[in-house]
PDB file of N, CA and C in Angstrom:
ATOM      1  N   UNK A   1      23.037  38.760  13.073  1.00  0.00           N
ATOM      2  CA  UNK A   1      24.003  39.566  13.538  1.00  0.00           C
ATOM      3  C   UNK A   1      24.058  40.633  12.260  1.00  0.00           C
ATOM      4  N   UNK A   2      24.283  41.793  12.810  1.00  0.00           N
ATOM      5  CA  UNK A   2      24.475  43.033  11.831  1.00  0.00           C
ATOM      6  C   UNK A   2      25.835  43.306  11.837  1.00  0.00           C
ATOM      7  N   UNK A   3      26.546  43.044  10.714  1.00  0.00           N
ATOM      8  CA  UNK A   3      28.150  43.178  10.681  1.00  0.00           C
ATOM      9  C   UNK A   3      28.471  44.647  10.201  1.00  0.00           C
ATOM     10  N   UNK A   4      29.599  45.158  10.834  1.00  0.00           N
ATOM     11  CA  UNK A   4      30.220  46.360  10.476  1.00  0.00           C
ATOM     12  C   UNK A   4      31.827  45.901  10.090  1.00  0.00           C
ATOM     13  N   UNK A   5      32.380  46.839   9.385  1.00  0.00           N
ATOM     14  CA  UNK A   5      33.906  46.687   8.996  1.00  0.00           C
ATOM     15  C   UNK A   5      34.345  48.109   9.271  1.00  0.00           C
ATOM     16  N   UNK A   6      35.662  47.870  10.058  1.00  0.00           N
ATOM     17  CA  UNK A   6      36.717  49.088   9.878  1.00  0.00           C
ATOM     18  C   UNK A   6      37.907  48.765   9.191  1.00  0.00           C
ATOM     19  N   UNK A   7      38.057  49.485   8.223  1.00  0.00           N
ATOM     20  CA  UNK A   7      39.346  49.392   7.420  1.00  0.00           C
ATOM     21  C   UNK A   7      40.142  50.403   8.139  1.00  0.00           C
ATOM     22  N   UNK A   8      41.386  49.828   8.648  1.00  0.00           N
ATOM     23  CA  UNK A   8      42.116  50.466   9.472  1.00  0.00           C
ATOM     24  C   UNK A   8      43.664  50.673   8.903  1.00  0.00           C
ATOM     25  N   UNK A   9      43.784  51.912   8.546  1.00  0.00           N
ATOM     26  CA  UNK A   9      45.349  52.343   7.929  1.00  0.00           C
ATOM     27  C   UNK A   9      46.137  53.193   8.972  1.00  0.00           C
ATOM     28  N   UNK A  10      47.279  53.274   8.614  1.00  0.00           N
ATOM     29  CA  UNK A  10      48.243  54.126   9.460  1.00  0.00           C
ATOM     30  C   UNK A  10      47.698  55.425   9.379  1.00  0.00           C
ATOM     31  N   UNK A  11      47.790  56.145   8.227  1.00  0.00           N
ATOM     32  CA  UNK A  11      47.350  57.447   8.289  1.00  0.00           C
ATOM     33  C   UNK A  11      48.803  58.320   7.966  1.00  0.00           C
ATOM     34  N   UNK A  12      48.606  59.619   7.920  1.00  0.00           N
ATOM     35  CA  UNK A  12      49.683  60.571   7.616  1.00  0.00           C
ATOM     36  C   UNK A  12      49.229  61.815   8.109  1.00  0.00           C
ATOM     37  N   UNK A  13      50.033  62.620   8.555  1.00  0.00           N
ATOM     38  CA  UNK A  13      49.906  63.886   9.023  1.00  0.00           C
ATOM     39  C   UNK A  13      48.991  64.765   8.038  1.00  0.00           C
ATOM     40  N   UNK A  14      48.151  65.619   8.448  1.00  0.00           N
ATOM     41  CA  UNK A  14      47.107  66.344   7.447  1.00  0.00           C
ATOM     42  C   UNK A  14      47.752  67.126   6.452  1.00  0.00           C
ATOM     43  N   UNK A  15      48.962  67.423   6.634  1.00  0.00           N
ATOM     44  CA  UNK A  15      49.587  68.444   5.483  1.00  0.00           C
ATOM     45  C   UNK A  15      49.959  67.342   4.273  1.00  0.00           C
ATOM     46  N   UNK A  16      49.684  66.083   4.424  1.00  0.00           N
ATOM     47  CA  UNK A  16      49.901  64.812   3.374  1.00  0.00           C
ATOM     48  C   UNK A  16      48.736  64.197   3.187  1.00  0.00           C
ATOM     49  N   UNK A  17      47.588  64.924   3.069  1.00  0.00           N
ATOM     50  CA  UNK A  17      46.143  64.344   3.105  1.00  0.00           C
ATOM     51  C   UNK A  17      46.045  63.416   1.846  1.00  0.00           C
ATOM     52  N   UNK A  18      46.712  63.592   0.810  1.00  0.00           N
ATOM     53  CA  UNK A  18      46.443  62.543  -0.184  1.00  0.00           C
ATOM     54  C   UNK A  18      46.596  61.138   0.227  1.00  0.00           C
ATOM     55  N   UNK A  19      47.723  60.893   1.115  1.00  0.00           N
ATOM     56  CA  UNK A  19      47.901  59.558   1.657  1.00  0.00           C
ATOM     57  C   UNK A  19      46.818  59.084   2.352  1.00  0.00           C
ATOM     58  N   UNK A  20      45.999  59.934   3.130  1.00  0.00           N
ATOM     59  CA  UNK A  20      44.884  59.433   3.859  1.00  0.00           C
ATOM     60  C   UNK A  20      43.645  59.393   2.880  1.00  0.00           C
ATOM     61  N   UNK A  21      43.624  59.963   1.905  1.00  0.00           N
ATOM     62  CA  UNK A  21      42.561  60.039   0.924  1.00  0.00           C
ATOM     63  C   UNK A  21      42.445  58.581   0.381  1.00  0.00           C
ATOM     64  N   UNK A  22      43.534  57.913  -0.023  1.00  0.00           N
ATOM     65  CA  UNK A  22      43.593  56.590  -0.550  1.00  0.00           C
ATOM     66  C   UNK A  22      42.742  55.656   0.247  1.00  0.00           C
ATOM     67  N   UNK A  23      42.852  55.630   1.638  1.00  0.00           N
ATOM     68  CA  UNK A  23      42.082  54.666   2.402  1.00  0.00           C
ATOM     69  C   UNK A  23      40.601  54.986   2.281  1.00  0.00           C
ATOM     70  N   UNK A  24      40.136  56.151   1.954  1.00  0.00           N
ATOM     71  CA  UNK A  24      38.610  56.355   1.802  1.00  0.00           C
ATOM     72  C   UNK A  24      38.200  55.658   0.441  1.00  0.00           C
ATOM     73  N   UNK A  25      39.376  55.486  -0.471  1.00  0.00           N
ATOM     74  CA  UNK A  25      39.002  54.862  -1.796  1.00  0.00           C
ATOM     75  C   UNK A  25      38.883  53.365  -1.699  1.00  0.00           C
ATOM     76  N   UNK A  26      39.641  52.854  -0.701  1.00  0.00           N
ATOM     77  CA  UNK A  26      39.642  51.564  -0.645  1.00  0.00           C
ATOM     78  C   UNK A  26      38.349  51.080   0.237  1.00  0.00           C
ATOM     79  N   UNK A  27      37.951  51.987   1.276  1.00  0.00           N
ATOM     80  CA  UNK A  27      36.697  51.730   1.904  1.00  0.00           C
ATOM     81  C   UNK A  27      35.462  51.874   1.007  1.00  0.00           C
ATOM     82  N   UNK A  28      35.391  52.476   0.092  1.00  0.00           N
ATOM     83  CA  UNK A  28      34.527  52.592  -1.124  1.00  0.00           C
ATOM     84  C   UNK A  28      34.534  51.346  -1.914  1.00  0.00           C
ATOM     85  N   UNK A  29      35.414  50.891  -2.016  1.00  0.00           N
ATOM     86  CA  UNK A  29      35.580  49.551  -2.991  1.00  0.00           C
ATOM     87  C   UNK A  29      35.091  48.348  -2.169  1.00  0.00           C
ATOM     88  N   UNK A  30      35.407  48.476  -0.721  1.00  0.00           N
ATOM     89  CA  UNK A  30      34.788  47.326   0.103  1.00  0.00           C
ATOM     90  C   UNK A  30      33.496  47.492   0.270  1.00  0.00           C
ATOM     91  N   UNK A  31      32.979  48.817   0.307  1.00  0.00           N
ATOM     92  CA  UNK A  31      31.392  48.814   0.473  1.00  0.00           C
ATOM     93  C   UNK A  31      30.738  48.137  -0.766  1.00  0.00           C
ATOM     94  N   UNK A  32      31.196  48.411  -1.934  1.00  0.00           N
ATOM     95  CA  UNK A  32      30.629  48.069  -3.199  1.00  0.00           C
ATOM     96  C   UNK A  32      30.933  46.448  -3.246  1.00  0.00           C
ATOM     97  N   UNK A  33      32.014  46.026  -3.004  1.00  0.00           N
ATOM     98  CA  UNK A  33      32.260  44.669  -3.135  1.00  0.00           C
ATOM     99  C   UNK A  33      31.401  43.606  -2.188  1.00  0.00           C
ATOM    100  N   UNK A  34      31.224  44.352  -1.117  1.00  0.00           N
ATOM    101  CA  UNK A  34      30.387  43.587  -0.052  1.00  0.00           C
ATOM    102  C   UNK A  34      29.002  43.972   0.047  1.00  0.00           C
ATOM    103  N   UNK A  35      28.645  45.152  -0.730  1.00  0.00           N
ATOM    104  CA  UNK A  35      27.221  45.500  -0.783  1.00  0.00           C
ATOM    105  C   UNK A  35      26.793  46.037   0.681  1.00  0.00           C
ATOM    106  N   UNK A  36      27.537  46.714   1.372  1.00  0.00           N
ATOM    107  CA  UNK A  36      27.065  47.144   2.532  1.00  0.00           C
ATOM    108  C   UNK A  36      27.482  48.451   2.814  1.00  0.00           C
ATOM    109  N   UNK A  37      26.867  49.462   3.650  1.00  0.00           N
ATOM    110  CA  UNK A  37      27.249  50.732   3.924  1.00  0.00           C
ATOM    111  C   UNK A  37      27.890  50.708   5.136  1.00  0.00           C
ATOM    112  N   UNK A  38      28.103  49.781   6.167  1.00  0.00           N
ATOM    113  CA  UNK A  38      28.555  49.697   7.400  1.00  0.00           C
ATOM    114  C   UNK A  38      29.904  49.422   7.227  1.00  0.00           C
ATOM    115  N   UNK A  39      30.786  50.234   6.446  1.00  0.00           N
ATOM    116  CA  UNK A  39      32.217  50.141   6.461  1.00  0.00           C
ATOM    117  C   UNK A  39      32.831  51.535   6.720  1.00  0.00           C
ATOM    118  N   UNK A  40      33.732  51.605   7.630  1.00  0.00           N
ATOM    119  CA  UNK A  40      34.246  52.733   8.194  1.00  0.00           C
ATOM    120  C   UNK A  40      35.806  52.895   7.865  1.00  0.00           C
ATOM    121  N   UNK A  41      36.395  53.913   7.508  1.00  0.00           N
ATOM    122  CA  UNK A  41      37.941  54.246   7.617  1.00  0.00           C
ATOM    123  C   UNK A  41      38.164  54.600   9.013  1.00  0.00           C
ATOM    124  N   UNK A  42      39.388  54.220   9.420  1.00  0.00           N
ATOM    125  CA  UNK A  42      40.004  54.604  10.602  1.00  0.00           C
ATOM    126  C   UNK A  42      41.664  54.781  10.393  1.00  0.00           C
ATOM    127  N   UNK A  43      42.143  55.386  11.334  1.00  0.00           N
ATOM    128  CA  UNK A  43      43.533  55.809  11.211  1.00  0.00           C
ATOM    129  C   UNK A  43      44.192  55.626  12.489  1.00  0.00           C
ATOM    130  N   UNK A  44      45.526  55.259  12.515  1.00  0.00           N
ATOM    131  CA  UNK A  44      46.189  54.877  13.620  1.00  0.00           C
ATOM    132  C   UNK A  44      46.870  56.139  14.075  1.00  0.00           C
ATOM    133  N   UNK A  45      47.400  57.105  13.139  1.00  0.00           N
ATOM    134  CA  UNK A  45      47.924  58.415  13.384  1.00  0.00           C
ATOM    135  C   UNK A  45      47.033  59.405  13.641  1.00  0.00           C
ATOM    136  N   UNK A  46      46.987  59.744  15.027  1.00  0.00           N
ATOM    137  CA  UNK A  46      46.136  60.772  15.581  1.00  0.00           C
ATOM    138  C   UNK A  46      46.229  62.148  14.824  1.00  0.00           C
ATOM    139  N   UNK A  47      47.627  62.456  14.552  1.00  0.00           N
ATOM    140  CA  UNK A  47      47.900  63.628  13.825  1.00  0.00           C
ATOM    141  C   UNK A  47      47.123  63.741  12.568  1.00  0.00           C
ATOM    142  N   UNK A  48      46.850  62.850  11.846  1.00  0.00           N
ATOM    143  CA  UNK A  48      46.087  62.669  10.629  1.00  0.00           C
ATOM    144  C   UNK A  48      44.841  63.734  10.898  1.00  0.00           C
ATOM    145  N   UNK A  49      44.150  63.876  11.938  1.00  0.00           N
ATOM    146  CA  UNK A  49      43.098  64.587  12.153  1.00  0.00           C
ATOM    147  C   UNK A  49      41.918  63.729  11.488  1.00  0.00           C
ATOM    148  N   UNK A  50      41.889  62.522  11.142  1.00  0.00           N
ATOM    149  CA  UNK A  50      40.901  61.672  10.727  1.00  0.00           C
ATOM    150  C   UNK A  50      40.259  60.803  11.759  1.00  0.00           C
ATOM    151  N   UNK A  51      39.205  59.882  11.573  1.00  0.00           N
ATOM    152  CA  UNK A  51      38.750  59.191  12.405  1.00  0.00           C
ATOM    153  C   UNK A  51      39.475  58.121  13.004  1.00  0.00           C
ATOM    154  N   UNK A  52      39.400  57.997  14.327  1.00  0.00           N
ATOM    155  CA  UNK A  52      40.308  56.898  14.996  1.00  0.00           C
ATOM    156  C   UNK A  52      39.548  55.583  15.152  1.00  0.00           C
ATOM    157  N   UNK A  53      40.265  54.736  15.359  1.00  0.00           N
ATOM    158  CA  UNK A  53      39.682  53.420  15.584  1.00  0.00           C
ATOM    159  C   UNK A  53      38.603  53.396  16.500  1.00  0.00           C
ATOM    160  N   UNK A  54      38.571  54.016  17.535  1.00  0.00           N
ATOM    161  CA  UNK A  54      37.537  54.159  18.646  1.00  0.00           C
ATOM    162  C   UNK A  54      36.305  54.731  18.200  1.00  0.00           C
ATOM    163  N   UNK A  55      36.770  55.764  17.287  1.00  0.00           N
ATOM    164  CA  UNK A  55      35.533  56.493  16.812  1.00  0.00           C
ATOM    165  C   UNK A  55      34.876  55.736  15.825  1.00  0.00           C
ATOM    166  N   UNK A  56      35.406  55.063  15.132  1.00  0.00           N
ATOM    167  CA  UNK A  56      34.915  54.313  13.971  1.00  0.00           C
ATOM    168  C   UNK A  56      34.132  53.005  14.392  1.00  0.00           C
ATOM    169  N   UNK A  57      34.735  52.451  15.483  1.00  0.00           N
ATOM    170  CA  UNK A  57      33.757  51.519  16.368  1.00  0.00           C
ATOM    171  C   UNK A  57      32.531  51.990  16.992  1.00  0.00           C
ATOM    172  N   UNK A  58      32.734  53.084  17.496  1.00  0.00           N
ATOM    173  CA  UNK A  58      31.497  53.586  18.234  1.00  0.00           C
ATOM    174  C   UNK A  58      30.520  53.987  17.100  1.00  0.00           C
ATOM    175  N   UNK A  59      30.857  54.632  16.035  1.00  0.00           N
ATOM    176  CA  UNK A  59      30.197  54.904  14.793  1.00  0.00           C
ATOM    177  C   UNK A  59      29.222  53.643  14.324  1.00  0.00           C
ATOM    178  N   UNK A  60      30.104  52.672  14.241  1.00  0.00           N
ATOM    179  CA  UNK A  60      29.210  51.405  13.600  1.00  0.00           C
ATOM    180  C   UNK A  60      28.327  50.705  14.822  1.00  0.00           C
ATOM    181  N   UNK A  61      28.575  50.654  15.997  1.00  0.00           N
ATOM    182  CA  UNK A  61      27.697  50.261  17.242  1.00  0.00           C
ATOM    183  C   UNK A  61      26.410  51.326  17.122  1.00  0.00           C
ATOM    184  N   UNK A  62      26.597  52.728  16.922  1.00  0.00           N
ATOM    185  CA  UNK A  62      25.484  53.662  16.699  1.00  0.00           C
ATOM    186  C   UNK A  62      24.628  53.238  15.591  1.00  0.00           C
ATOM    187  N   UNK A  63      25.136  52.772  14.470  1.00  0.00           N
ATOM    188  CA  UNK A  63      24.363  52.355  13.320  1.00  0.00           C
ATOM    189  C   UNK A  63      23.886  50.877  13.279  1.00  0.00           C
ATOM    190  N   UNK A  64      23.943  50.267  14.875  1.00  0.00           N
ATOM    191  CA  UNK A  64      23.366  48.980  14.975  1.00  0.00           C
ATOM    192  C   UNK A  64      24.197  47.945  14.672  1.00  0.00           C
ATOM    193  N   UNK A  65      25.612  47.929  14.308  1.00  0.00           N
ATOM    194  CA  UNK A  65      26.583  46.711  14.412  1.00  0.00           C
ATOM    195  C   UNK A  65      26.615  46.056  15.376  1.00  0.00           C
ATOM    196  N   UNK A  66      26.445  44.792  15.666  1.00  0.00           N
ATOM    197  CA  UNK A  66      26.833  44.071  16.875  1.00  0.00           C
ATOM    198  C   UNK A  66      28.026  43.104  16.610  1.00  0.00           C
ATOM    199  N   UNK A  67      28.382  43.080  15.357  1.00  0.00           N
ATOM    200  CA  UNK A  67      29.622  42.362  15.159  1.00  0.00           C
ATOM    201  C   UNK A  67      30.498  43.379  14.367  1.00  0.00           C
ATOM    202  N   UNK A  68      31.800  43.691  14.507  1.00  0.00           N
ATOM    203  CA  UNK A  68      32.681  44.376  14.031  1.00  0.00           C
ATOM    204  C   UNK A  68      33.886  43.610  13.696  1.00  0.00           C
ATOM    205  N   UNK A  69      34.272  43.687  12.640  1.00  0.00           N
ATOM    206  CA  UNK A  69      35.710  43.073  11.948  1.00  0.00           C
ATOM    207  C   UNK A  69      36.631  44.585  11.529  1.00  0.00           C
ATOM    208  N   UNK A  70      37.722  44.359  12.167  1.00  0.00           N
ATOM    209  CA  UNK A  70      38.595  45.424  12.003  1.00  0.00           C
ATOM    210  C   UNK A  70      39.691  44.777  11.081  1.00  0.00           C
ATOM    211  N   UNK A  71      39.763  45.269   9.907  1.00  0.00           N
ATOM    212  CA  UNK A  71      40.716  44.787   8.872  1.00  0.00           C
ATOM    213  C   UNK A  71      41.850  45.923   8.593  1.00  0.00           C
ATOM    214  N   UNK A  72      43.018  45.463   9.011  1.00  0.00           N
ATOM    215  CA  UNK A  72      43.869  46.355   8.883  1.00  0.00           C
ATOM    216  C   UNK A  72      44.712  46.536   7.475  1.00  0.00           C
ATOM    217  N   UNK A  73      44.730  47.796   7.011  1.00  0.00           N
ATOM    218  CA  UNK A  73      45.502  48.030   5.644  1.00  0.00           C
ATOM    219  C   UNK A  73      46.754  48.308   5.948  1.00  0.00           C
ATOM    220  N   UNK A  74      47.446  47.043   6.265  1.00  0.00           N
ATOM    221  CA  UNK A  74      48.807  47.413   6.682  1.00  0.00           C
ATOM    222  C   UNK A  74      49.758  46.102   5.910  1.00  0.00           C
ATOM    223  N   UNK A  75      50.911  46.228   5.572  1.00  0.00           N
ATOM    224  CA  UNK A  75      51.362  45.195   4.778  1.00  0.00           C
ATOM    225  C   UNK A  75      52.242  44.364   5.723  1.00  0.00           C
ATOM    226  N   UNK A  76      52.696  44.895   6.944  1.00  0.00           N
ATOM    227  CA  UNK A  76      53.600  44.098   7.710  1.00  0.00           C
ATOM    228  C   UNK A  76      52.972  43.794   9.015  1.00  0.00           C
ATOM    229  N   UNK A  77      53.711  42.786   9.728  1.00  0.00           N
ATOM    230  CA  UNK A  77      53.155  42.651  11.296  1.00  0.00           C
ATOM    231  C   UNK A  77      54.061  43.353  11.988  1.00  0.00           C
ATOM    232  N   UNK A  78      54.027  44.741  11.860  1.00  0.00           N
ATOM    233  CA  UNK A  78      54.829  45.462  12.863  1.00  0.00           C
ATOM    234  C   UNK A  78      54.145  45.848  14.294  1.00  0.00           C
ATOM    235  N   UNK A  79      54.525  46.764  15.028  1.00  0.00           N
ATOM    236  CA  UNK A  79      54.176  47.337  16.327  1.00  0.00           C
ATOM    237  C   UNK A  79      52.727  47.459  16.164  1.00  0.00           C
ATOM    238  N   UNK A  80      52.170  48.150  15.163  1.00  0.00           N
ATOM    239  CA  UNK A  80      50.678  48.621  15.436  1.00  0.00           C
ATOM    240  C   UNK A  80      49.895  47.254  15.399  1.00  0.00           C
ATOM    241  N   UNK A  81      50.228  46.274  14.655  1.00  0.00           N
ATOM    242  CA  UNK A  81      49.365  45.034  14.414  1.00  0.00           C
ATOM    243  C   UNK A  81      49.754  44.273  15.787  1.00  0.00           C
ATOM    244  N   UNK A  82      50.971  44.022  16.127  1.00  0.00           N
ATOM    245  CA  UNK A  82      51.132  43.263  17.310  1.00  0.00           C
ATOM    246  C   UNK A  82      50.896  43.907  18.763  1.00  0.00           C
ATOM    247  N   UNK A  83      50.758  44.996  18.660  1.00  0.00           N
ATOM    248  CA  UNK A  83      50.662  45.767  20.037  1.00  0.00           C
ATOM    249  C   UNK A  83      49.455  46.696  20.163  1.00  0.00           C
ATOM    250  N   UNK A  84      49.628  47.938  19.274  1.00  0.00           N
ATOM    251  CA  UNK A  84      48.723  49.005  19.518  1.00  0.00           C
ATOM    252  C   UNK A  84      47.391  48.620  19.204  1.00  0.00           C
ATOM    253  N   UNK A  85      46.978  47.931  18.196  1.00  0.00           N
ATOM    254  CA  UNK A  85      45.782  47.526  17.794  1.00  0.00           C
ATOM    255  C   UNK A  85      45.000  46.713  18.761  1.00  0.00           C
ATOM    256  N   UNK A  86      45.886  45.627  19.113  1.00  0.00           N
ATOM    257  CA  UNK A  86      45.168  44.742  20.164  1.00  0.00           C
ATOM    258  C   UNK A  86      44.770  45.378  21.429  1.00  0.00           C
ATOM    259  N   UNK A  87      45.554  46.435  21.777  1.00  0.00           N
ATOM    260  CA  UNK A  87      45.429  47.148  23.251  1.00  0.00           C
ATOM    261  C   UNK A  87      44.082  48.135  22.797  1.00  0.00           C
ATOM    262  N   UNK A  88      44.158  48.694  21.751  1.00  0.00           N
ATOM    263  CA  UNK A  88      42.842  49.368  21.369  1.00  0.00           C
ATOM    264  C   UNK A  88      41.488  48.618  21.248  1.00  0.00           C
ATOM    265  N   UNK A  89      41.719  47.525  20.640  1.00  0.00           N
ATOM    266  CA  UNK A  89      40.392  46.664  20.699  1.00  0.00           C
ATOM    267  C   UNK A  89      40.003  46.077  22.020  1.00  0.00           C
ATOM    268  N   UNK A  90      41.053  45.936  22.774  1.00  0.00           N
ATOM    269  CA  UNK A  90      40.798  45.460  24.286  1.00  0.00           C
ATOM    270  C   UNK A  90      39.913  46.630  25.140  1.00  0.00           C
ATOM    271  N   UNK A  91      40.141  47.780  24.850  1.00  0.00           N
ATOM    272  CA  UNK A  91      39.448  48.986  25.352  1.00  0.00           C
ATOM    273  C   UNK A  91      38.120  49.166  24.746  1.00  0.00           C
ATOM    274  N   UNK A  92      38.095  48.886  23.550  1.00  0.00           N
ATOM    275  CA  UNK A  92      36.667  48.954  22.933  1.00  0.00           C
ATOM    276  C   UNK A  92      35.778  47.809  23.266  1.00  0.00           C
ATOM    277  N   UNK A  93      36.443  46.557  23.584  1.00  0.00           N
ATOM    278  CA  UNK A  93      35.591  45.495  24.042  1.00  0.00           C
ATOM    279  C   UNK A  93      35.037  45.903  25.518  1.00  0.00           C
ATOM    280  N   UNK A  94      36.054  46.484  26.099  1.00  0.00           N
ATOM    281  CA  UNK A  94      35.534  46.798  27.689  1.00  0.00           C
ATOM    282  C   UNK A  94      34.247  47.784  27.626  1.00  0.00           C
ATOM    283  N   UNK A  95      34.604  48.798  26.715  1.00  0.00           N
ATOM    284  CA  UNK A  95      33.497  49.838  26.508  1.00  0.00           C
ATOM    285  C   UNK A  95      32.101  49.290  25.978  1.00  0.00           C
ATOM    286  N   UNK A  96      32.194  48.376  25.001  1.00  0.00           N
ATOM    287  CA  UNK A  96      31.137  47.763  24.459  1.00  0.00           C
ATOM    288  C   UNK A  96      30.430  46.416  25.042  1.00  0.00           C
ATOM    289  N   UNK A  97      31.235  45.894  26.005  1.00  0.00           N
ATOM    290  CA  UNK A  97      30.702  44.661  26.734  1.00  0.00           C
ATOM    291  C   UNK A  97      30.435  43.602  25.548  1.00  0.00           C
ATOM    292  N   UNK A  98      29.540  42.628  26.146  1.00  0.00           N
ATOM    293  CA  UNK A  98      29.207  41.479  25.492  1.00  0.00           C
ATOM    294  C   UNK A  98      28.181  41.830  24.369  1.00  0.00           C
ATOM    295  N   UNK A  99      27.955  43.069  24.194  1.00  0.00           N
ATOM    296  CA  UNK A  99      26.639  43.254  23.129  1.00  0.00           C
ATOM    297  C   UNK A  99      27.347  43.376  21.659  1.00  0.00           C
ATOM    298  N   UNK A 100      28.581  43.558  21.753  1.00  0.00           N
ATOM    299  CA  UNK A 100      29.489  43.683  20.331  1.00  0.00           C
ATOM    300  C   UNK A 100      30.667  42.852  20.286  1.00  0.00           C
ATOM    301  N   UNK A 101      30.441  41.981  19.417  1.00  0.00           N
ATOM    302  CA  UNK A 101      31.824  41.117  19.146  1.00  0.00           C
ATOM    303  C   UNK A 101      32.718  42.097  18.061  1.00  0.00           C
ATOM    304  N   UNK A 102      33.984  42.081  18.508  1.00  0.00           N
ATOM    305  CA  UNK A 102      34.979  42.566  17.646  1.00  0.00           C
ATOM    306  C   UNK A 102      36.127  41.745  17.247  1.00  0.00           C
ATOM    307  N   UNK A 103      36.094  41.533  15.934  1.00  0.00           N
ATOM    308  CA  UNK A 103      37.213  40.775  15.518  1.00  0.00           C
ATOM    309  C   UNK A 103      38.297  41.397  14.691  1.00  0.00           C
ATOM    310  N   UNK A 104      39.600  40.805  14.775  1.00  0.00           N
ATOM    311  CA  UNK A 104      40.651  41.462  14.104  1.00  0.00           C
ATOM    312  C   UNK A 104      41.179  40.517  13.120  1.00  0.00           C
ATOM    313  N   UNK A 105      41.165  41.139  11.861  1.00  0.00           N
ATOM    314  CA  UNK A 105      41.733  40.365  10.669  1.00  0.00           C
ATOM    315  C   UNK A 105      42.956  40.378  10.717  1.00  0.00           C
ATOM    316  N   UNK A 106      43.563  39.438   9.798  1.00  0.00           N
ATOM    317  CA  UNK A 106      45.167  39.486   9.615  1.00  0.00           C
ATOM    318  C   UNK A 106      45.516  40.689   8.788  1.00  0.00           C
ATOM    319  N   UNK A 107      46.715  41.159   8.919  1.00  0.00           N
ATOM    320  CA  UNK A 107      47.296  42.190   8.063  1.00  0.00           C
ATOM    321  C   UNK A 107      47.372  41.627   6.710  1.00  0.00           C
ATOM    322  N   UNK A 108      47.638  42.304   5.670  1.00  0.00           N
ATOM    323  CA  UNK A 108      47.759  42.002   4.378  1.00  0.00           C
ATOM    324  C   UNK A 108      49.057  41.040   4.098  1.00  0.00           C
ATOM    325  N   UNK A 109      50.208  41.380   4.492  1.00  0.00           N
ATOM    326  CA  UNK A 109      51.325  40.517   4.361  1.00  0.00           C
ATOM    327  C   UNK A 109      51.633  40.252   3.094  1.00  0.00           C
ATOM    328  N   UNK A 110      52.596  39.266   2.786  1.00  0.00           N
ATOM    329  CA  UNK A 110      53.068  38.800   1.343  1.00  0.00           C
ATOM    330  C   UNK A 110      52.222  37.868   0.706  1.00  0.00           C
ATOM    331  N   UNK A 111      51.002  38.348   0.493  1.00  0.00           N
ATOM    332  CA  UNK A 111      49.801  37.851  -0.296  1.00  0.00           C
ATOM    333  C   UNK A 111      50.287  37.611  -1.736  1.00  0.00           C
ATOM    334  N   UNK A 112      50.022  36.636  -2.461  1.00  0.00           N
ATOM    335  CA  UNK A 112      50.459  36.579  -3.800  1.00  0.00           C
ATOM    336  C   UNK A 112      49.371  37.470  -4.872  1.00  0.00           C
ATOM    337  N   UNK A 113      48.309  38.063  -4.290  1.00  0.00           N
ATOM    338  CA  UNK A 113      47.476  38.701  -4.910  1.00  0.00           C
ATOM    339  C   UNK A 113      47.993  40.029  -4.924  1.00  0.00           C
ATOM    340  N   UNK A 114      48.478  40.492  -3.976  1.00  0.00           N
ATOM    341  CA  UNK A 114      49.131  41.729  -3.787  1.00  0.00           C
ATOM    342  C   UNK A 114      50.499  41.870  -4.829  1.00  0.00           C
ATOM    343  N   UNK A 115      51.072  40.644  -4.806  1.00  0.00           N
ATOM    344  CA  UNK A 115      52.353  40.708  -5.893  1.00  0.00           C
ATOM    345  C   UNK A 115      51.751  40.747  -7.137  1.00  0.00           C
ATOM    346  N   UNK A 116      50.718  40.119  -7.432  1.00  0.00           N
ATOM    347  CA  UNK A 116      50.006  40.327  -8.907  1.00  0.00           C
ATOM    348  C   UNK A 116      49.833  41.707  -9.116  1.00  0.00           C
ATOM    349  N   UNK A 117      49.281  42.516  -8.191  1.00  0.00           N
ATOM    350  CA  UNK A 117      49.130  44.042  -8.384  1.00  0.00           C
ATOM    351  C   UNK A 117      50.439  44.716  -8.642  1.00  0.00           C
ATOM    352  N   UNK A 118      51.417  44.396  -7.832  1.00  0.00           N
ATOM    353  CA  UNK A 118      52.820  44.922  -7.970  1.00  0.00           C
ATOM    354  C   UNK A 118      53.338  44.575  -9.305  1.00  0.00           C
ATOM    355  N   UNK A 119      53.214  43.288  -9.813  1.00  0.00           N
ATOM    356  CA  UNK A 119      53.837  42.958 -11.154  1.00  0.00           C
ATOM    357  C   UNK A 119      52.929  43.632 -12.328  1.00  0.00           C
ATOM    358  N   UNK A 120      51.815  44.002 -12.127  1.00  0.00           N
ATOM    359  CA  UNK A 120      51.072  44.835 -12.905  1.00  0.00           C
ATOM    360  C   UNK A 120      51.607  46.056 -13.261  1.00  0.00           C
ATOM    361  N   UNK A 121      51.911  46.798 -12.021  1.00  0.00           N
ATOM    362  CA  UNK A 121      52.536  48.249 -12.004  1.00  0.00           C
ATOM    363  C   UNK A 121      53.715  48.254 -12.600  1.00  0.00           C
ATOM    364  N   UNK A 122      54.515  47.104 -12.319  1.00  0.00           N
ATOM    365  CA  UNK A 122      56.073  47.273 -12.773  1.00  0.00           C
ATOM    366  C   UNK A 122      55.760  47.082 -14.390  1.00  0.00           C
ATOM    367  N   UNK A 123      54.819  46.137 -14.799  1.00  0.00           N
ATOM    368  CA  UNK A 123      54.419  46.136 -16.510  1.00  0.00           C
ATOM    369  C   UNK A 123      54.119  47.364 -16.815  1.00  0.00           C
ATOM    370  N   UNK A 124      53.581  48.133 -16.240  1.00  0.00           N
ATOM    371  CA  UNK A 124      52.909  49.651 -16.613  1.00  0.00           C
ATOM    372  C   UNK A 124      53.947  50.512 -17.241  1.00  0.00           C
ATOM    373  N   UNK A 125      55.151  50.194 -16.519  1.00  0.00           N
ATOM    374  CA  UNK A 125      56.327  51.208 -16.937  1.00  0.00           C
ATOM    375  C   UNK A 125      57.100  50.621 -17.991  1.00  0.00           C
ATOM    376  N   UNK A 126      57.035  49.391 -18.429  1.00  0.00           N
ATOM    377  CA  UNK A 126      57.531  48.682 -19.582  1.00  0.00           C
ATOM    378  C   UNK A 126      58.862  48.359 -19.361  1.00  0.00           C
TER     379      UNK A 126
END
């Protein structure tokens, strides 16, 4: 199987593009860590003007991915995680049929590793 990954963030309106650019930095880190180029950023907020989840999935399929993991860059189990993203994934599965497996990773949540980063940030200001 040829694996692809979508790192999915919420996104922000284009006038606050710095918030969107952070997700591209995360994507670059994932690419380097997993040593793969088949990683795409996607944004739930259409007003961001950035690549949508459907577009990212389509792009990975065009590049030959037949298994795609959608990894949400979301801290909480909110409406996007519970409803919006599963609905979009159901649509993508209909479009691509049995040729492409699409899996949905868990949101980040209260993971101790994230708390470690937060504690580091708190320590940085003394």
